Amino acid sequence: MNAKKAEAKCSRAGCRARATHRIVWRNPRIHGPEREKVWLACDEHLAFLRDYLRARDFPVRVDTRIGEGEIG
């Protein structure tokens, strides 16, 4: 049996490109510092997704490492 390994995909709506970055963020109006969410981004949509979150004053951190098991 030859199982294809799933790739992490970009979180941008409609994008099926391979993710190259992790965008770690949280909504401080709802969650404390211990609660973070992760979006995955391809190179093309990294700035769009990051700027979308920053425009809402959400704390945002961008990592270039995509972890195992992160499927978008």
PDB file of N, CA and C in Angstrom:
ATOM      1  N   MET A   1       0.847  -1.178   0.000  1.00  0.00           N
ATOM      2  CA  MET A   1       0.000   0.000   0.000  1.00  0.00           C
ATOM      3  C   MET A   1       0.893   1.241   0.000  1.00  0.00           C
ATOM      4  N   ASN A   2       0.578   2.198  -0.841  1.00  0.00           N
ATOM      5  CA  ASN A   2       1.397   3.393  -1.004  1.00  0.00           C
ATOM      6  C   ASN A   2       0.595   4.615  -0.577  1.00  0.00           C
ATOM      7  N   ALA A   3       0.663   4.975   0.697  1.00  0.00           N
ATOM      8  CA  ALA A   3      -0.105   6.111   1.219  1.00  0.00           C
ATOM      9  C   ALA A   3       0.648   7.412   0.944  1.00  0.00           C
ATOM     10  N   LYS A   4      -0.063   8.391   0.388  1.00  0.00           N
ATOM     11  CA  LYS A   4       0.531   9.703   0.130  1.00  0.00           C
ATOM     12  C   LYS A   4       0.483  10.532   1.408  1.00  0.00           C
ATOM     13  N   LYS A   5       1.609  11.111   1.775  1.00  0.00           N
ATOM     14  CA  LYS A   5       1.670  11.953   2.967  1.00  0.00           C
ATOM     15  C   LYS A   5       0.967  13.281   2.684  1.00  0.00           C
ATOM     16  N   ALA A   6       0.035  13.654   3.560  1.00  0.00           N
ATOM     17  CA  ALA A   6      -0.707  14.909   3.390  1.00  0.00           C
ATOM     18  C   ALA A   6       0.201  16.100   3.671  1.00  0.00           C
ATOM     19  N   GLU A   7       0.044  17.135   2.861  1.00  0.00           N
ATOM     20  CA  GLU A   7       0.803  18.370   3.057  1.00  0.00           C
ATOM     21  C   GLU A   7      -0.039  19.378   3.821  1.00  0.00           C
ATOM     22  N   ALA A   8       0.616  20.203   4.603  1.00  0.00           N
ATOM     23  CA  ALA A   8      -0.060  21.301   5.289  1.00  0.00           C
ATOM     24  C   ALA A   8      -0.437  22.340   4.241  1.00  0.00           C
ATOM     25  N   LYS A   9      -1.702  22.756   4.243  1.00  0.00           N
ATOM     26  CA  LYS A   9      -2.208  23.704   3.254  1.00  0.00           C
ATOM     27  C   LYS A   9      -2.452  25.072   3.886  1.00  0.00           C
ATOM     28  N   CYS A  10      -2.378  26.098   3.073  1.00  0.00           N
ATOM     29  CA  CYS A  10      -2.623  27.476   3.484  1.00  0.00           C
ATOM     30  C   CYS A  10      -4.042  27.636   4.015  1.00  0.00           C
ATOM     31  N   SER A  11      -4.205  28.459   5.053  1.00  0.00           N
ATOM     32  CA  SER A  11      -5.519  28.704   5.663  1.00  0.00           C
ATOM     33  C   SER A  11      -6.348  29.749   4.928  1.00  0.00           C
ATOM     34  N   ARG A  12      -5.786  30.445   3.973  1.00  0.00           N
ATOM     35  CA  ARG A  12      -6.532  31.455   3.206  1.00  0.00           C
ATOM     36  C   ARG A  12      -7.644  30.769   2.438  1.00  0.00           C
ATOM     37  N   ALA A  13      -8.846  31.307   2.520  1.00  0.00           N
ATOM     38  CA  ALA A  13      -9.996  30.718   1.839  1.00  0.00           C
ATOM     39  C   ALA A  13      -9.713  30.509   0.359  1.00  0.00           C
ATOM     40  N   GLY A  14      -9.954  29.312  -0.114  1.00  0.00           N
ATOM     41  CA  GLY A  14      -9.778  28.993  -1.519  1.00  0.00           C
ATOM     42  C   GLY A  14      -8.363  28.651  -1.938  1.00  0.00           C
ATOM     43  N   CYS A  15      -7.391  28.820  -1.076  1.00  0.00           N
ATOM     44  CA  CYS A  15      -5.997  28.529  -1.419  1.00  0.00           C
ATOM     45  C   CYS A  15      -5.680  27.080  -1.059  1.00  0.00           C
ATOM     46  N   ARG A  16      -5.068  26.376  -1.965  1.00  0.00           N
ATOM     47  CA  ARG A  16      -4.670  24.988  -1.719  1.00  0.00           C
ATOM     48  C   ARG A  16      -3.150  24.828  -1.784  1.00  0.00           C
ATOM     49  N   ALA A  17      -2.421  25.950  -1.729  1.00  0.00           N
ATOM     50  CA  ALA A  17      -0.961  25.912  -1.797  1.00  0.00           C
ATOM     51  C   ALA A  17      -0.371  25.334  -0.513  1.00  0.00           C
ATOM     52  N   ARG A  18       0.815  24.803  -0.632  1.00  0.00           N
ATOM     53  CA  ARG A  18       1.526  24.247   0.520  1.00  0.00           C
ATOM     54  C   ARG A  18       1.877  25.374   1.485  1.00  0.00           C
ATOM     55  N   ALA A  19       1.602  25.165   2.755  1.00  0.00           N
ATOM     56  CA  ALA A  19       1.922  26.166   3.784  1.00  0.00           C
ATOM     57  C   ALA A  19       3.418  26.162   4.071  1.00  0.00           C
ATOM     58  N   THR A  20       3.959  27.352   4.275  1.00  0.00           N
ATOM     59  CA  THR A  20       5.384  27.502   4.593  1.00  0.00           C
ATOM     60  C   THR A  20       5.592  28.229   5.920  1.00  0.00           C
ATOM     61  N   HIS A  21       4.517  28.775   6.490  1.00  0.00           N
ATOM     62  CA  HIS A  21       4.608  29.535   7.736  1.00  0.00           C
ATOM     63  C   HIS A  21       3.448  29.187   8.666  1.00  0.00           C
ATOM     64  N   ARG A  22       3.700  29.339   9.953  1.00  0.00           N
ATOM     65  CA  ARG A  22       2.659  29.240  10.976  1.00  0.00           C
ATOM     66  C   ARG A  22       2.405  30.646  11.490  1.00  0.00           C
ATOM     67  N   ILE A  23       1.142  31.044  11.560  1.00  0.00           N
ATOM     68  CA  ILE A  23       0.771  32.328  12.154  1.00  0.00           C
ATOM     69  C   ILE A  23       0.068  31.991  13.470  1.00  0.00           C
ATOM     70  N   VAL A  24       0.720  32.314  14.572  1.00  0.00           N
ATOM     71  CA  VAL A  24       0.180  32.026  15.906  1.00  0.00           C
ATOM     72  C   VAL A  24      -0.442  33.308  16.433  1.00  0.00           C
ATOM     73  N   TRP A  25      -1.712  33.224  16.851  1.00  0.00           N
ATOM     74  CA  TRP A  25      -2.429  34.423  17.254  1.00  0.00           C
ATOM     75  C   TRP A  25      -3.459  34.089  18.323  1.00  0.00           C
ATOM     76  N   ARG A  26      -4.006  35.147  18.910  1.00  0.00           N
ATOM     77  CA  ARG A  26      -5.105  34.965  19.864  1.00  0.00           C
ATOM     78  C   ARG A  26      -5.955  36.226  19.886  1.00  0.00           C
ATOM     79  N   ASN A  27      -7.194  36.064  20.331  1.00  0.00           N
ATOM     80  CA  ASN A  27      -8.104  37.181  20.498  1.00  0.00           C
ATOM     81  C   ASN A  27      -8.123  37.518  21.982  1.00  0.00           C
ATOM     82  N   PRO A  28      -7.444  38.595  22.407  1.00  0.00           N
ATOM     83  CA  PRO A  28      -7.330  38.906  23.834  1.00  0.00           C
ATOM     84  C   PRO A  28      -8.648  39.323  24.483  1.00  0.00           C
ATOM     85  N   ARG A  29      -9.646  39.670  23.692  1.00  0.00           N
ATOM     86  CA  ARG A  29     -10.951  40.014  24.261  1.00  0.00           C
ATOM     87  C   ARG A  29     -11.716  38.776  24.711  1.00  0.00           C
ATOM     88  N   ILE A  30     -11.316  37.621  24.215  1.00  0.00           N
ATOM     89  CA  ILE A  30     -12.005  36.371  24.532  1.00  0.00           C
ATOM     90  C   ILE A  30     -11.131  35.412  25.336  1.00  0.00           C
ATOM     91  N   HIS A  31      -9.830  35.325  24.986  1.00  0.00           N
ATOM     92  CA  HIS A  31      -8.943  34.326  25.581  1.00  0.00           C
ATOM     93  C   HIS A  31      -7.738  34.958  26.269  1.00  0.00           C
ATOM     94  N   GLY A  32      -7.252  34.267  27.281  1.00  0.00           N
ATOM     95  CA  GLY A  32      -6.033  34.668  27.980  1.00  0.00           C
ATOM     96  C   GLY A  32      -4.801  34.274  27.189  1.00  0.00           C
ATOM     97  N   PRO A  33      -3.616  34.633  27.694  1.00  0.00           N
ATOM     98  CA  PRO A  33      -2.359  34.362  26.987  1.00  0.00           C
ATOM     99  C   PRO A  33      -2.085  32.879  26.740  1.00  0.00           C
ATOM    100  N   GLU A  34      -2.711  32.004  27.518  1.00  0.00           N
ATOM    101  CA  GLU A  34      -2.459  30.564  27.360  1.00  0.00           C
ATOM    102  C   GLU A  34      -3.197  29.962  26.160  1.00  0.00           C
ATOM    103  N   ARG A  35      -4.148  30.681  25.590  1.00  0.00           N
ATOM    104  CA  ARG A  35      -4.968  30.168  24.485  1.00  0.00           C
ATOM    105  C   ARG A  35      -4.527  30.803  23.178  1.00  0.00           C
ATOM    106  N   GLU A  36      -3.865  30.023  22.332  1.00  0.00           N
ATOM    107  CA  GLU A  36      -3.409  30.513  21.032  1.00  0.00           C
ATOM    108  C   GLU A  36      -4.037  29.686  19.918  1.00  0.00           C
ATOM    109  N   LYS A  37      -4.205  30.315  18.789  1.00  0.00           N
ATOM    110  CA  LYS A  37      -4.700  29.634  17.597  1.00  0.00           C
ATOM    111  C   LYS A  37      -3.605  29.684  16.543  1.00  0.00           C
ATOM    112  N   VAL A  38      -3.679  28.774  15.581  1.00  0.00           N
ATOM    113  CA  VAL A  38      -2.668  28.711  14.527  1.00  0.00           C
ATOM    114  C   VAL A  38      -3.348  28.689  13.171  1.00  0.00           C
ATOM    115  N   TRP A  39      -2.918  29.586  12.308  1.00  0.00           N
ATOM    116  CA  TRP A  39      -3.272  29.544  10.899  1.00  0.00           C
ATOM    117  C   TRP A  39      -2.003  29.199  10.149  1.00  0.00           C
ATOM    118  N   LEU A  40      -2.150  28.504   9.041  1.00  0.00           N
ATOM    119  CA  LEU A  40      -1.020  28.188   8.179  1.00  0.00           C
ATOM    120  C   LEU A  40      -1.089  29.081   6.951  1.00  0.00           C
ATOM    121  N   ALA A  41       0.075  29.479   6.441  1.00  0.00           N
ATOM    122  CA  ALA A  41       0.107  30.400   5.304  1.00  0.00           C
ATOM    123  C   ALA A  41       1.157  29.984   4.287  1.00  0.00           C
ATOM    124  N   CYS A  42       0.806  30.146   3.016  1.00  0.00           N
ATOM    125  CA  CYS A  42       1.792  30.006   1.949  1.00  0.00           C
ATOM    126  C   CYS A  42       2.525  31.349   1.836  1.00  0.00           C
ATOM    127  N   ASP A  43       3.571  31.379   1.039  1.00  0.00           N
ATOM    128  CA  ASP A  43       4.329  32.628   0.878  1.00  0.00           C
ATOM    129  C   ASP A  43       3.452  33.755   0.341  1.00  0.00           C
ATOM    130  N   GLU A  44       2.567  33.433  -0.596  1.00  0.00           N
ATOM    131  CA  GLU A  44       1.727  34.452  -1.225  1.00  0.00           C
ATOM    132  C   GLU A  44       0.744  35.099  -0.244  1.00  0.00           C
ATOM    133  N   HIS A  45       0.203  34.342   0.710  1.00  0.00           N
ATOM    134  CA  HIS A  45      -0.836  34.859   1.593  1.00  0.00           C
ATOM    135  C   HIS A  45      -0.368  35.196   3.012  1.00  0.00           C
ATOM    136  N   LEU A  46       0.901  35.045   3.283  1.00  0.00           N
ATOM    137  CA  LEU A  46       1.425  35.338   4.619  1.00  0.00           C
ATOM    138  C   LEU A  46       1.102  36.767   5.045  1.00  0.00           C
ATOM    139  N   ALA A  47       1.438  37.744   4.240  1.00  0.00           N
ATOM    140  CA  ALA A  47       1.217  39.148   4.603  1.00  0.00           C
ATOM    141  C   ALA A  47      -0.270  39.445   4.771  1.00  0.00           C
ATOM    142  N   PHE A  48      -1.111  38.914   3.884  1.00  0.00           N
ATOM    143  CA  PHE A  48      -2.551  39.157   3.975  1.00  0.00           C
ATOM    144  C   PHE A  48      -3.110  38.641   5.301  1.00  0.00           C
ATOM    145  N   LEU A  49      -2.804  37.392   5.649  1.00  0.00           N
ATOM    146  CA  LEU A  49      -3.337  36.802   6.883  1.00  0.00           C
ATOM    147  C   LEU A  49      -2.788  37.505   8.125  1.00  0.00           C
ATOM    148  N   ARG A  50      -1.489  37.788   8.126  1.00  0.00           N
ATOM    149  CA  ARG A  50      -0.870  38.490   9.258  1.00  0.00           C
ATOM    150  C   ARG A  50      -1.478  39.873   9.442  1.00  0.00           C
ATOM    151  N   ASP A  51      -1.605  40.622   8.352  1.00  0.00           N
ATOM    152  CA  ASP A  51      -2.160  41.975   8.419  1.00  0.00           C
ATOM    153  C   ASP A  51      -3.632  41.967   8.823  1.00  0.00           C
ATOM    154  N   TYR A  52      -4.377  40.963   8.401  1.00  0.00           N
ATOM    155  CA  TYR A  52      -5.780  40.823   8.787  1.00  0.00           C
ATOM    156  C   TYR A  52      -5.910  40.729  10.308  1.00  0.00           C
ATOM    157  N   LEU A  53      -5.055  39.934  10.916  1.00  0.00           N
ATOM    158  CA  LEU A  53      -5.096  39.765  12.375  1.00  0.00           C
ATOM    159  C   LEU A  53      -4.576  41.009  13.099  1.00  0.00           C
ATOM    160  N   ARG A  54      -3.511  41.595  12.606  1.00  0.00           N
ATOM    161  CA  ARG A  54      -2.958  42.802  13.242  1.00  0.00           C
ATOM    162  C   ARG A  54      -3.922  43.981  13.174  1.00  0.00           C
ATOM    163  N   ALA A  55      -4.704  44.072  12.109  1.00  0.00           N
ATOM    164  CA  ALA A  55      -5.678  45.163  11.965  1.00  0.00           C
ATOM    165  C   ALA A  55      -6.739  45.087  13.060  1.00  0.00           C
ATOM    166  N   ARG A  56      -6.922  43.904  13.634  1.00  0.00           N
ATOM    167  CA  ARG A  56      -7.889  43.711  14.713  1.00  0.00           C
ATOM    168  C   ARG A  56      -7.224  43.761  16.091  1.00  0.00           C
ATOM    169  N   ASP A  57      -5.962  44.180  16.121  1.00  0.00           N
ATOM    170  CA  ASP A  57      -5.171  44.295  17.347  1.00  0.00           C
ATOM    171  C   ASP A  57      -4.984  42.970  18.067  1.00  0.00           C
ATOM    172  N   PHE A  58      -4.935  41.872  17.313  1.00  0.00           N
ATOM    173  CA  PHE A  58      -4.655  40.571  17.901  1.00  0.00           C
ATOM    174  C   PHE A  58      -3.146  40.389  17.984  1.00  0.00           C
ATOM    175  N   PRO A  59      -2.639  39.858  19.103  1.00  0.00           N
ATOM    176  CA  PRO A  59      -1.213  39.512  19.160  1.00  0.00           C
ATOM    177  C   PRO A  59      -0.917  38.426  18.119  1.00  0.00           C
ATOM    178  N   VAL A  60       0.132  38.650  17.326  1.00  0.00           N
ATOM    179  CA  VAL A  60       0.469  37.747  16.226  1.00  0.00           C
ATOM    180  C   VAL A  60       1.959  37.435  16.262  1.00  0.00           C
ATOM    181  N   ARG A  61       2.285  36.163  16.038  1.00  0.00           N
ATOM    182  CA  ARG A  61       3.679  35.720  15.911  1.00  0.00           C
ATOM    183  C   ARG A  61       3.757  34.835  14.670  1.00  0.00           C
ATOM    184  N   VAL A  62       4.776  35.033  13.838  1.00  0.00           N
ATOM    185  CA  VAL A  62       4.947  34.229  12.633  1.00  0.00           C
ATOM    186  C   VAL A  62       6.153  33.317  12.822  1.00  0.00           C
ATOM    187  N   ASP A  63       5.924  32.018  12.613  1.00  0.00           N
ATOM    188  CA  ASP A  63       6.989  31.012  12.660  1.00  0.00           C
ATOM    189  C   ASP A  63       7.174  30.463  11.259  1.00  0.00           C
ATOM    190  N   THR A  64       8.400  30.166  10.891  1.00  0.00           N
ATOM    191  CA  THR A  64       8.641  29.585   9.578  1.00  0.00           C
ATOM    192  C   THR A  64       8.613  28.063   9.608  1.00  0.00           C
ATOM    193  N   ARG A  65       8.505  27.479  10.782  1.00  0.00           N
ATOM    194  CA  ARG A  65       8.487  26.029  10.901  1.00  0.00           C
ATOM    195  C   ARG A  65       7.046  25.523  10.905  1.00  0.00           C
ATOM    196  N   ILE A  66       6.785  24.564  10.038  1.00  0.00           N
ATOM    197  CA  ILE A  66       5.476  23.909  10.015  1.00  0.00           C
ATOM    198  C   ILE A  66       5.650  22.585  10.744  1.00  0.00           C
ATOM    199  N   GLY A  67       4.840  22.368  11.786  1.00  0.00           N
ATOM    200  CA  GLY A  67       4.958  21.145  12.580  1.00  0.00           C
ATOM    201  C   GLY A  67       4.285  19.954  11.937  1.00  0.00           C
ATOM    202  N   GLU A  68       4.699  18.777  12.342  1.00  0.00           N
ATOM    203  CA  GLU A  68       4.079  17.546  11.851  1.00  0.00           C
ATOM    204  C   GLU A  68       2.629  17.504  12.289  1.00  0.00           C
ATOM    205  N   GLY A  69       1.775  17.014  11.427  1.00  0.00           N
ATOM    206  CA  GLY A  69       0.380  16.881  11.765  1.00  0.00           C
ATOM    207  C   GLY A  69      -0.449  18.135  11.562  1.00  0.00           C
ATOM    208  N   GLU A  70       0.163  19.216  11.099  1.00  0.00           N
ATOM    209  CA  GLU A  70      -0.586  20.455  10.840  1.00  0.00           C
ATOM    210  C   GLU A  70      -1.107  20.428   9.418  1.00  0.00           C
ATOM    211  N   ILE A  71      -2.359  20.105   9.295  1.00  0.00           N
ATOM    212  CA  ILE A  71      -2.977  20.032   7.985  1.00  0.00           C
ATOM    213  C   ILE A  71      -4.028  21.134   7.896  1.00  0.00           C
ATOM    214  N   GLY A  72      -3.906  21.982   6.884  1.00  0.00           N
ATOM    215  CA  GLY A  72      -4.810  23.106   6.722  1.00  0.00           C
ATOM    216  C   GLY A  72      -6.082  22.734   6.018  1.00  0.00           C
TER     217      GLY A  72
END
